[in-house]
C-alpha atoms as a PDB file:
ATOM      1  CA  MET A   1       0.132   0.115   0.048  1.00  0.00           C
ATOM      2  CA  GLU A   2       1.454   3.126  -1.224  1.00  0.00           C
ATOM      3  CA  SER A   3       1.892   6.043   1.853  1.00  0.00           C
ATOM      4  CA  TYR A   4       2.935   9.806   1.739  1.00  0.00           C
ATOM      5  CA  THR A   5       3.391  12.561   3.660  1.00  0.00           C
ATOM      6  CA  ALA A   6       2.263  15.834   2.953  1.00  0.00           C
ATOM      7  CA  THR A   7       1.139  19.584   4.268  1.00  0.00           C
ATOM      8  CA  ILE A   8      -2.380  21.064   4.042  1.00  0.00           C
ATOM      9  CA  THR A   9      -2.038  23.856   2.083  1.00  0.00           C
ATOM     10  CA  GLY A  10      -5.399  25.450   1.592  1.00  0.00           C
ATOM     11  CA  PHE A  11      -9.676  24.146   0.826  1.00  0.00           C
ATOM     12  CA  TYR A  12     -11.997  25.445  -1.913  1.00  0.00           C
ATOM     13  CA  THR A  13     -15.208  24.466  -2.896  1.00  0.00           C
ATOM     14  CA  GLN A  14     -15.887  23.247  -6.829  1.00  0.00           C
ATOM     15  CA  PHE A  15     -19.514  23.848  -8.049  1.00  0.00           C
ATOM     16  CA  SER A  16     -20.396  21.940 -11.273  1.00  0.00           C
ATOM     17  CA  THR A  17     -22.733  22.719 -13.749  1.00  0.00           C
ATOM     18  CA  ASP A  18     -25.284  19.268 -12.946  1.00  0.00           C
ATOM     19  CA  ASP A  19     -25.551  21.451  -9.025  1.00  0.00           C
ATOM     20  CA  SER A  20     -23.155  18.823  -7.519  1.00  0.00           C
ATOM     21  CA  VAL A  21     -20.962  20.618  -4.662  1.00  0.00           C
ATOM     22  CA  ILE A  22     -17.211  19.359  -4.461  1.00  0.00           C
ATOM     23  CA  THR A  23     -14.670  20.339  -1.489  1.00  0.00           C
ATOM     24  CA  PHE A  24     -11.067  19.625  -2.366  1.00  0.00           C
ATOM     25  CA  VAL A  25      -8.234  19.395  -0.241  1.00  0.00           C
ATOM     26  CA  GLN A  26      -5.025  21.231  -1.022  1.00  0.00           C
ATOM     27  CA  ILE A  27      -1.796  19.953  -0.072  1.00  0.00           C
ATOM     28  CA  THR A  28       2.050  20.259  -0.560  1.00  0.00           C
ATOM     29  CA  PRO A  29       2.918  18.339  -3.745  1.00  0.00           C
ATOM     30  CA  ILE A  30       3.256  14.643  -3.702  1.00  0.00           C
ATOM     31  CA  PHE A  31       4.689  11.724  -6.098  1.00  0.00           C
ATOM     32  CA  ASP A  32       3.277   8.577  -6.468  1.00  0.00           C
ATOM     33  CA  SER A  33       5.388   5.160  -7.785  1.00  0.00           C
ATOM     34  CA  LYS A  34       4.767   6.432 -11.664  1.00  0.00           C
ATOM     35  CA  GLY A  35       6.024   9.695 -10.954  1.00  0.00           C
ATOM     36  CA  SER A  36       2.458  11.745 -11.091  1.00  0.00           C
ATOM     37  CA  CYS A  37       2.248  15.083  -9.500  1.00  0.00           C
ATOM     38  CA  VAL A  38      -0.705  15.159  -6.520  1.00  0.00           C
ATOM     39  CA  ASN A  39      -1.553  18.525  -4.817  1.00  0.00           C
ATOM     40  CA  GLN A  40      -4.769  18.110  -4.350  1.00  0.00           C
ATOM     41  CA  ILE A  41      -7.745  15.777  -3.010  1.00  0.00           C
ATOM     42  CA  PRO A  42     -11.231  15.830  -4.153  1.00  0.00           C
ATOM     43  CA  GLY A  43     -13.207  14.916  -0.605  1.00  0.00           C
ATOM     44  CA  LEU A  44     -15.596  12.655  -2.854  1.00  0.00           C
ATOM     45  CA  LEU A  45     -12.631  10.303  -3.673  1.00  0.00           C
ATOM     46  CA  MET A  46     -11.714  10.577   0.449  1.00  0.00           C
ATOM     47  CA  HIS A  47     -12.023   6.754   2.171  1.00  0.00           C
ATOM     48  CA  ARG A  48     -14.712   6.333   4.975  1.00  0.00           C
ATOM     49  CA  ASP A  49     -12.380   6.157   7.162  1.00  0.00           C
ATOM     50  CA  SER A  50     -10.592   9.379   6.788  1.00  0.00           C
ATOM     51  CA  ASP A  51     -10.508  12.322   9.228  1.00  0.00           C
ATOM     52  CA  PHE A  52     -12.299  14.953   8.217  1.00  0.00           C
ATOM     53  CA  ASP A  53     -11.902  17.464  10.128  1.00  0.00           C
ATOM     54  CA  LEU A  54      -9.030  19.371   8.834  1.00  0.00           C
ATOM     55  CA  ALA A  55      -7.415  22.586   8.857  1.00  0.00           C
ATOM     56  CA  VAL A  56      -4.687  24.064   6.989  1.00  0.00           C
ATOM     57  CA  GLY A  57      -1.114  23.448   8.561  1.00  0.00           C
ATOM     58  CA  ASP A  58      -1.743  19.742   9.063  1.00  0.00           C
ATOM     59  CA  VAL A  59       0.511  17.572   8.481  1.00  0.00           C
ATOM     60  CA  ILE A  60      -0.941  14.277   7.293  1.00  0.00           C
ATOM     61  CA  ASP A  61      -0.699  10.957   6.396  1.00  0.00           C
ATOM     62  CA  ILE A  62      -1.606   9.600   2.713  1.00  0.00           C
ATOM     63  CA  SER A  63      -2.615   6.057   1.714  1.00  0.00           C
ATOM     64  CA  ILE A  64      -4.759   4.608  -1.123  1.00  0.00           C
ATOM     65  CA  VAL A  65      -7.151   1.890  -0.089  1.00  0.00           C
ATOM     66  CA  THR A  66      -9.310   0.578  -2.996  1.00  0.00           C
ATOM     67  CA  MET A  67      -8.528   3.689  -5.370  1.00  0.00           C
ATOM     68  CA  GLN A  68      -9.317   6.255  -2.531  1.00  0.00           C
ATOM     69  CA  PHE A  69      -7.422   8.245  -0.330  1.00  0.00           C
ATOM     70  CA  LEU A  70      -7.022   7.521   3.357  1.00  0.00           C
ATOM     71  CA  ILE A  71      -6.675  10.690   4.548  1.00  0.00           C
ATOM     72  CA  LYS A  72      -5.296  10.613   8.454  1.00  0.00           C
ATOM     73  CA  VAL A  73      -3.711  13.509  10.792  1.00  0.00           C
ATOM     74  CA  LYS A  74      -0.439  13.243  11.583  1.00  0.00           C
ATOM     75  CA  HIS A  75       0.458  16.209  13.550  1.00  0.00           C
ATOM     76  CA  PRO A  76      -2.760  18.946  13.604  1.00  0.00           C
ATOM     77  CA  SER A  77      -1.999  22.185  13.301  1.00  0.00           C
ATOM     78  CA  ILE A  78      -3.536  25.239  15.616  1.00  0.00           C
ATOM     79  CA  SER A  79      -5.886  26.695  12.325  1.00  0.00           C
ATOM     80  CA  LYS A  80      -9.395  26.495  12.054  1.00  0.00           C
ATOM     81  CA  ARG A  81     -11.003  23.341  11.383  1.00  0.00           C
ATOM     82  CA  VAL A  82     -13.056  22.123   8.409  1.00  0.00           C
ATOM     83  CA  ASN A  83     -15.380  19.777   8.092  1.00  0.00           C
ATOM     84  CA  LEU A  84     -15.315  18.213   4.848  1.00  0.00           C
ATOM     85  CA  ARG A  85     -18.772  16.402   4.962  1.00  0.00           C
ATOM     86  CA  MET A  86     -20.172  19.331   4.392  1.00  0.00           C
ATOM     87  CA  ARG A  87     -24.002  19.273   5.461  1.00  0.00           C
ATOM     88  CA  TYR A  88     -24.474  22.800   4.085  1.00  0.00           C
ATOM     89  CA  CYS A  89     -24.105  24.785   0.702  1.00  0.00           C
ATOM     90  CA  PRO A  90     -21.417  27.034   1.662  1.00  0.00           C
ATOM     91  CA  VAL A  91     -23.457  30.028  -0.780  1.00  0.00           C
ATOM     92  CA  CYS A  92     -27.404  29.800  -0.163  1.00  0.00           C
ATOM     93  CA  HIS A  93     -27.034  27.264   3.230  1.00  0.00           C
ATOM     94  CA  THR A  94     -29.281  24.775   1.678  1.00  0.00           C
ATOM     95  CA  GLY A  95     -28.768  21.937   3.494  1.00  0.00           C
ATOM     96  CA  LEU A  96     -27.443  19.756   0.488  1.00  0.00           C
ATOM     97  CA  ALA A  97     -28.703  16.431  -0.752  1.00  0.00           C
ATOM     98  CA  ASN A  98     -27.166  13.295  -1.065  1.00  0.00           C
ATOM     99  CA  TYR A  99     -27.223  11.285  -4.405  1.00  0.00           C
ATOM    100  CA  ASN A 100     -25.431   8.653  -5.824  1.00  0.00           C
ATOM    101  CA  GLY A 101     -22.715   9.620  -3.290  1.00  0.00           C
ATOM    102  CA  MET A 102     -22.640  13.018  -4.364  1.00  0.00           C
ATOM    103  CA  ARG A 103     -23.550  16.208  -2.707  1.00  0.00           C
ATOM    104  CA  PHE A 104     -25.863  18.459  -4.254  1.00  0.00           C
ATOM    105  CA  CYS A 105     -27.046  21.769  -3.905  1.00  0.00           C
ATOM    106  CA  ILE A 106     -31.087  21.661  -4.295  1.00  0.00           C
ATOM    107  CA  ASN A 107     -32.472  25.277  -4.209  1.00  0.00           C
ATOM    108  CA  ALA A 108     -33.408  26.408  -7.213  1.00  0.00           C
ATOM    109  CA  ASN A 109     -32.180  30.063  -6.165  1.00  0.00           C
ATOM    110  CA  CYS A 110     -28.874  29.359  -5.341  1.00  0.00           C
ATOM    111  CA  ARG A 111     -26.539  32.090  -6.819  1.00  0.00           C
ATOM    112  CA  ALA A 112     -23.951  29.437  -7.652  1.00  0.00           C
ATOM    113  CA  HIS A 113     -25.940  27.271 -10.295  1.00  0.00           C
ATOM    114  CA  ILE A 114     -28.338  30.595 -10.965  1.00  0.00           C
ATOM    115  CA  ARG A 115     -26.814  30.281 -14.794  1.00  0.00           C
ATOM    116  CA  GLU A 116     -27.510  26.672 -15.139  1.00  0.00           C
ATOM    117  CA  HIS A 117     -30.628  27.155 -13.878  1.00  0.00           C
ATOM    118  CA  ILE A 118     -31.576  29.939 -15.763  1.00  0.00           C
ATOM    119  CA  TYR A 119     -30.530  27.857 -19.228  1.00  0.00           C
ATOM    120  CA  THR A 120     -31.985  24.247 -18.651  1.00  0.00           C
ATOM    121  CA  MET A 121     -35.556  26.203 -17.422  1.00  0.00           C
ATOM    122  CA  LEU A 122     -35.607  28.145 -20.588  1.00  0.00           C
ATOM    123  CA  SER A 123     -34.429  24.918 -22.734  1.00  0.00           C
ATOM    124  CA  ALA A 124     -37.027  22.870 -21.349  1.00  0.00           C
ATOM    125  CA  ILE A 125     -40.383  24.903 -21.872  1.00  0.00           C
ATOM    126  CA  GLY A 126     -39.307  25.633 -25.449  1.00  0.00           C
ATOM    127  CA  PHE A 127     -37.003  28.961 -25.652  1.00  0.00           C
ATOM    128  CA  ASN A 128     -34.637  29.041 -28.071  1.00  0.00           C
ATOM    129  CA  CYS A 129     -31.527  29.414 -26.264  1.00  0.00           C
ATOM    130  CA  GLU A 130     -29.107  28.036 -28.879  1.00  0.00           C
ATOM    131  CA  ALA A 131     -29.833  30.935 -31.198  1.00  0.00           C
ATOM    132  CA  SER A 132     -26.346  33.270 -30.806  1.00  0.00           C
ATOM    133  CA  SER A 133     -28.183  36.268 -30.489  1.00  0.00           C
ATOM    134  CA  MET A 134     -30.196  34.836 -27.366  1.00  0.00           C
ATOM    135  CA  ASN A 135     -27.458  33.324 -26.006  1.00  0.00           C
ATOM    136  CA  TYR A 136     -25.538  36.794 -25.915  1.00  0.00           C
ATOM    137  CA  VAL A 137     -28.681  38.137 -24.748  1.00  0.00           C
ATOM    138  CA  ILE A 138     -28.890  36.278 -21.662  1.00  0.00           C
ATOM    139  CA  ASP A 139     -25.260  35.977 -21.117  1.00  0.00           C
ATOM    140  CA  THR A 140     -25.929  39.969 -20.611  1.00  0.00           C
ATOM    141  CA  ILE A 141     -28.297  39.669 -18.366  1.00  0.00           C
ATOM    142  CA  ILE A 142     -26.645  37.912 -16.169  1.00  0.00           C
ATOM    143  CA  THR A 143     -23.557  39.378 -16.122  1.00  0.00           C
ATOM    144  CA  LYS A 144     -24.898  42.867 -16.005  1.00  0.00           C
ATOM    145  CA  THR A 145     -28.455  42.151 -13.561  1.00  0.00           C
ATOM    146  CA  TYR A 146     -28.272  40.877 -10.449  1.00  0.00           C
ATOM    147  CA  ILE A 147     -30.505  37.584 -10.306  1.00  0.00           C
ATOM    148  CA  SER A 148     -31.600  36.549  -7.390  1.00  0.00           C
ATOM    149  CA  SER A 149     -33.869  33.838  -8.822  1.00  0.00           C
ATOM    150  CA  PRO A 150     -34.546  32.457 -12.457  1.00  0.00           C
ATOM    151  CA  LEU A 151     -37.656  33.721 -12.777  1.00  0.00           C
ATOM    152  CA  ASP A 152     -36.848  37.274 -12.429  1.00  0.00           C
ATOM    153  CA  ILE A 153     -36.350  36.751 -16.075  1.00  0.00           C
ATOM    154  CA  PHE A 154     -39.912  36.887 -16.625  1.00  0.00           C
ATOM    155  CA  TYR A 155     -40.161  40.353 -15.045  1.00  0.00           C
ATOM    156  CA  LEU A 156     -37.850  41.765 -17.281  1.00  0.00           C
ATOM    157  CA  THR A 157     -38.645  45.113 -20.061  1.00  0.00           C
ATOM    158  CA  VAL A 158     -37.433  45.875 -23.286  1.00  0.00           C
ATOM    159  CA  SER A 159     -36.300  49.006 -22.098  1.00  0.00           C
ATOM    160  CA  TYR A 160     -34.325  47.484 -19.127  1.00  0.00           C
ATOM    161  CA  LEU A 161     -32.767  44.934 -21.743  1.00  0.00           C
ATOM    162  CA  CYS A 162     -31.267  48.209 -23.569  1.00  0.00           C
ATOM    163  CA  ASP A 163     -30.175  50.051 -20.316  1.00  0.00           C
ATOM    164  CA  ILE A 164     -28.077  47.249 -20.013  1.00  0.00           C
ATOM    165  CA  GLY A 165     -26.538  47.644 -23.796  1.00  0.00           C
ATOM    166  CA  ILE A 166     -28.291  45.228 -25.549  1.00  0.00           C
ATOM    167  CA  ASP A 167     -29.396  46.244 -28.713  1.00  0.00           C
ATOM    168  CA  ILE A 168     -33.267  46.967 -29.420  1.00  0.00           C
ATOM    169  CA  SER A 169     -33.989  44.214 -31.848  1.00  0.00           C
ATOM    170  CA  ASN A 170     -32.598  41.825 -29.825  1.00  0.00           C
ATOM    171  CA  ALA A 171     -34.507  42.995 -26.962  1.00  0.00           C
ATOM    172  CA  GLN A 172     -37.622  42.560 -28.274  1.00  0.00           C
ATOM    173  CA  ILE A 173     -37.254  39.389 -29.771  1.00  0.00           C
ATOM    174  CA  PHE A 174     -35.931  37.887 -26.467  1.00  0.00           C
ATOM    175  CA  ILE A 175     -39.188  39.164 -24.338  1.00  0.00           C
ATOM    176  CA  GLN A 176     -41.570  37.965 -27.350  1.00  0.00           C
ATOM    177  CA  ASN A 177     -40.065  34.709 -27.547  1.00  0.00           C
ATOM    178  CA  LEU A 178     -39.867  34.640 -24.151  1.00  0.00           C
ATOM    179  CA  HIS A 179     -43.469  35.622 -23.311  1.00  0.00           C
ATOM    180  CA  ASN A 180     -44.789  33.486 -26.652  1.00  0.00           C
ATOM    181  CA  VAL A 181     -44.191  30.306 -24.920  1.00  0.00           C
ATOM    182  CA  ARG A 182     -46.445  31.327 -21.482  1.00  0.00           C
ATOM    183  CA  GLY A 183     -49.408  29.121 -21.898  1.00  0.00           C
ATOM    184  CA  HIS A 184     -48.156  26.740 -24.440  1.00  0.00           C
ATOM    185  CA  VAL A 185     -45.922  24.414 -21.873  1.00  0.00           C
ATOM    186  CA  THR A 186     -46.752  21.002 -20.852  1.00  0.00           C
ATOM    187  CA  PHE A 187     -46.598  19.470 -17.454  1.00  0.00           C
ATOM    188  CA  GLU A 188     -43.524  18.038 -18.618  1.00  0.00           C
ATOM    189  CA  GLN A 189     -41.722  20.450 -20.035  1.00  0.00           C
ATOM    190  CA  TYR A 190     -42.635  22.442 -16.240  1.00  0.00           C
ATOM    191  CA  PHE A 191     -40.773  19.307 -14.441  1.00  0.00           C
ATOM    192  CA  ARG A 192     -37.376  19.552 -16.775  1.00  0.00           C
ATOM    193  CA  ALA A 193     -37.549  23.364 -15.986  1.00  0.00           C
ATOM    194  CA  ILE A 194     -37.707  22.556 -12.250  1.00  0.00           C
ATOM    195  CA  ASN A 195     -35.208  19.322 -12.968  1.00  0.00           C
ATOM    196  CA  ILE A 196     -35.911  17.665  -9.478  1.00  0.00           C
ATOM    197  CA  LEU A 197     -32.625  15.807  -8.714  1.00  0.00           C
ATOM    198  CA  GLY A 198     -33.214  11.772  -8.951  1.00  0.00           C
ATOM    199  CA  MET A 199     -36.744  12.598 -10.753  1.00  0.00           C
ATOM    200  CA  THR A 200     -36.427   9.709 -13.736  1.00  0.00           C
ATOM    201  CA  PRO A 201     -38.672  10.392 -17.093  1.00  0.00           C
ATOM    202  CA  ASP A 202     -41.186   6.999 -16.020  1.00  0.00           C
ATOM    203  CA  LEU A 203     -41.485   9.272 -12.467  1.00  0.00           C
ATOM    204  CA  ILE A 204     -42.034  12.044 -14.218  1.00  0.00           C
ATOM    205  CA  ALA A 205     -44.663  10.680 -16.731  1.00  0.00           C
ATOM    206  CA  MET A 206     -46.605   8.971 -13.254  1.00  0.00           C
ATOM    207  CA  ILE A 207     -47.111  12.443 -11.919  1.00  0.00           C
ATOM    208  CA  CYS A 208     -47.979  14.433 -15.107  1.00  0.00           C
ATOM    209  CA  ASP A 209     -50.417  11.847 -15.497  1.00  0.00           C
ATOM    210  CA  ALA A 210     -51.956  12.058 -11.890  1.00  0.00           C
ATOM    211  CA  MET A 211     -51.942  15.721 -12.152  1.00  0.00           C
ATOM    212  CA  ARG A 212     -54.201  15.571 -15.210  1.00  0.00           C
ATOM    213  CA  ALA A 213     -56.596  12.844 -14.000  1.00  0.00           C
ATOM    214  CA  ASN A 214     -56.831  14.989 -10.724  1.00  0.00           C
ATOM    215  CA  ASN A 215     -57.386  18.379 -12.523  1.00  0.00           C
ATOM    216  CA  VAL A 216     -54.542  19.832 -11.224  1.00  0.00           C
ATOM    217  CA  GLY A 217     -52.756  22.682 -13.899  1.00  0.00           C
ATOM    218  CA  LEU A 218     -50.049  24.541 -13.635  1.00  0.00           C
ATOM    219  CA  ASN A 219     -51.847  27.576 -11.956  1.00  0.00           C
ATOM    220  CA  SER A 220     -52.835  25.305  -9.025  1.00  0.00           C
ATOM    221  CA  ILE A 221     -49.174  23.834  -8.431  1.00  0.00           C
ATOM    222  CA  GLU A 222     -49.963  24.129  -4.497  1.00  0.00           C
ATOM    223  CA  LYS A 223     -51.707  20.838  -4.617  1.00  0.00           C
ATOM    224  CA  LEU A 224     -49.568  19.255  -6.253  1.00  0.00           C
ATOM    225  CA  PRO A 225     -48.144  17.179  -2.934  1.00  0.00           C
ATOM    226  CA  ASP A 226     -51.526  16.062  -2.007  1.00  0.00           C
ATOM    227  CA  VAL A 227     -51.887  14.497  -5.977  1.00  0.00           C
ATOM    228  CA  PRO A 228     -52.692  10.441  -5.081  1.00  0.00           C
ATOM    229  CA  ILE A 229     -50.074   8.671  -7.094  1.00  0.00           C
ATOM    230  CA  HIS A 230     -49.307   4.649  -7.756  1.00  0.00           C
ATOM    231  CA  ILE A 231     -46.054   4.340  -5.666  1.00  0.00           C
ATOM    232  CA  GLY A 232     -45.733   0.115  -6.303  1.00  0.00           C
ATOM    233  CA  HIS A 233     -48.676  -1.694  -5.111  1.00  0.00           C
ATOM    234  CA  LEU A 234     -49.353   1.223  -3.079  1.00  0.00           C
ATOM    235  CA  LEU A 235     -51.734   4.527  -3.427  1.00  0.00           C
ATOM    236  CA  ARG A 236     -50.158   7.399  -1.843  1.00  0.00           C
ATOM    237  CA  THR A 237     -49.535  11.390  -2.499  1.00  0.00           C
ATOM    238  CA  VAL A 238     -46.560  12.793  -4.640  1.00  0.00           C
ATOM    239  CA  ASN A 239     -45.276  14.265  -1.671  1.00  0.00           C
ATOM    240  CA  ASP A 240     -44.251  10.934  -0.671  1.00  0.00           C
ATOM    241  CA  ILE A 241     -41.649  10.661  -3.347  1.00  0.00           C
ATOM    242  CA  ASP A 242     -38.358  11.025  -1.371  1.00  0.00           C
ATOM    243  CA  TYR A 243     -36.742  13.603  -4.359  1.00  0.00           C
ATOM    244  CA  PHE A 244     -40.181  15.414  -4.715  1.00  0.00           C
ATOM    245  CA  ALA A 245     -40.680  15.526  -1.107  1.00  0.00           C
ATOM    246  CA  GLU A 246     -36.991  17.124  -0.479  1.00  0.00           C
ATOM    247  CA  TYR A 247     -37.225  19.667  -3.333  1.00  0.00           C
ATOM    248  CA  TRP A 248     -40.588  20.950  -2.567  1.00  0.00           C
ATOM    249  CA  ILE A 249     -39.255  21.937   0.956  1.00  0.00           C
ATOM    250  CA  TYR A 250     -36.612  24.269  -0.211  1.00  0.00           C
ATOM    251  CA  ASN A 251     -38.287  25.372  -3.458  1.00  0.00           C
ATOM    252  CA  LYS A 252     -42.170  25.901  -2.907  1.00  0.00           C
ATOM    253  CA  ASP A 253     -42.645  29.378  -3.993  1.00  0.00           C
ATOM    254  CA  PHE A 254     -40.048  28.666  -6.771  1.00  0.00           C
ATOM    255  CA  MET A 255     -42.773  25.443  -8.239  1.00  0.00           C
ATOM    256  CA  ILE A 256     -45.638  27.511  -7.255  1.00  0.00           C
ATOM    257  CA  GLN A 257     -44.273  30.814  -9.285  1.00  0.00           C
ATOM    258  CA  LEU A 258     -43.366  29.142 -12.104  1.00  0.00           C
ATOM    259  CA  GLY A 259     -46.516  27.242 -12.776  1.00  0.00           C
ATOM    260  CA  LYS A 260     -48.603  30.488 -12.799  1.00  0.00           C
ATOM    261  CA  ILE A 261     -45.897  32.299 -15.168  1.00  0.00           C
ATOM    262  CA  LEU A 262     -46.182  29.538 -17.357  1.00  0.00           C
ATOM    263  CA  TYR A 263     -50.057  28.998 -17.241  1.00  0.00           C
ATOM    264  CA  VAL A 264     -50.843  32.317 -18.202  1.00  0.00           C
END
C-alpha cells in the first residue's frame, strides 16, 4: 500500500453544472510510484475512515485504499478546522442532498448555479437558447443584472434590456419569444424546467398523468403534493416521493410561481 506525508495548504469548493458541490483539499505536492504529481484531493475520493475535520497546516499521512485516499492527521495545526463532510451549501446555506454518493445543492435560486438553472429552465419550456443572439442576450443579463431567481427573467422589459447594452432588435425578439411560450408549456416541460434531482422520466410521466387525472394544472401547483399516485402497489401522494418531497421543502414558492407564470 502506497503511503505519503504532506501538509494541507488550503481548501476550495467546486460547483459543477449538474449542481454537485465538491470540496478539495490542497496539499504540498506528493509523487506516486509512477512519478505523477498530486497536489489536491477531492473530498469525494476520501476514504470513509479518513479524518474529515482538517485544517490548514495539518501534517497528514495519505494512503491509497481501494482507489481512495485515506487521510489521517499526523501533526494537527492550531488553525480553524474545516469539516469536509459538508451538510450545507457554502453559498446559499441550503441543506445538501445526497445522491449516488455525491452532494448536491437543490436550491433553485442558489447563486452558484443561477446561470445553469436559467438555461435549463428556458430550454425545457421551448425557448431557443441555442441561437447566438439569444445566447448573447441571456449571458448579458446574467453578467449585468443581479438575478436572485431564474424567475426574474420573466419580469424583464425591452427598455431594461436596452439600458444594459442590448440592442433594441434583440431585446424585442428576446422578450417576445420568452412570453410566446407561456400558455403552451406541458406538465412534462414544467418538470424538466425545475429539474428535480433524481426524478426519472418514468416517475415524471406518472406524476403528470396523476395531475391530469385530478385536474391539477400549472396554475394550481400548490395542490401537487396531495395528488394521489400509485407507488408500487400502494396509493400514496406525490409528496411521498423522496426526491420530490426534499425539493418541495426548499423550492415550494419557486415551483408555484413558475407554474403560474407559465400557465398565463
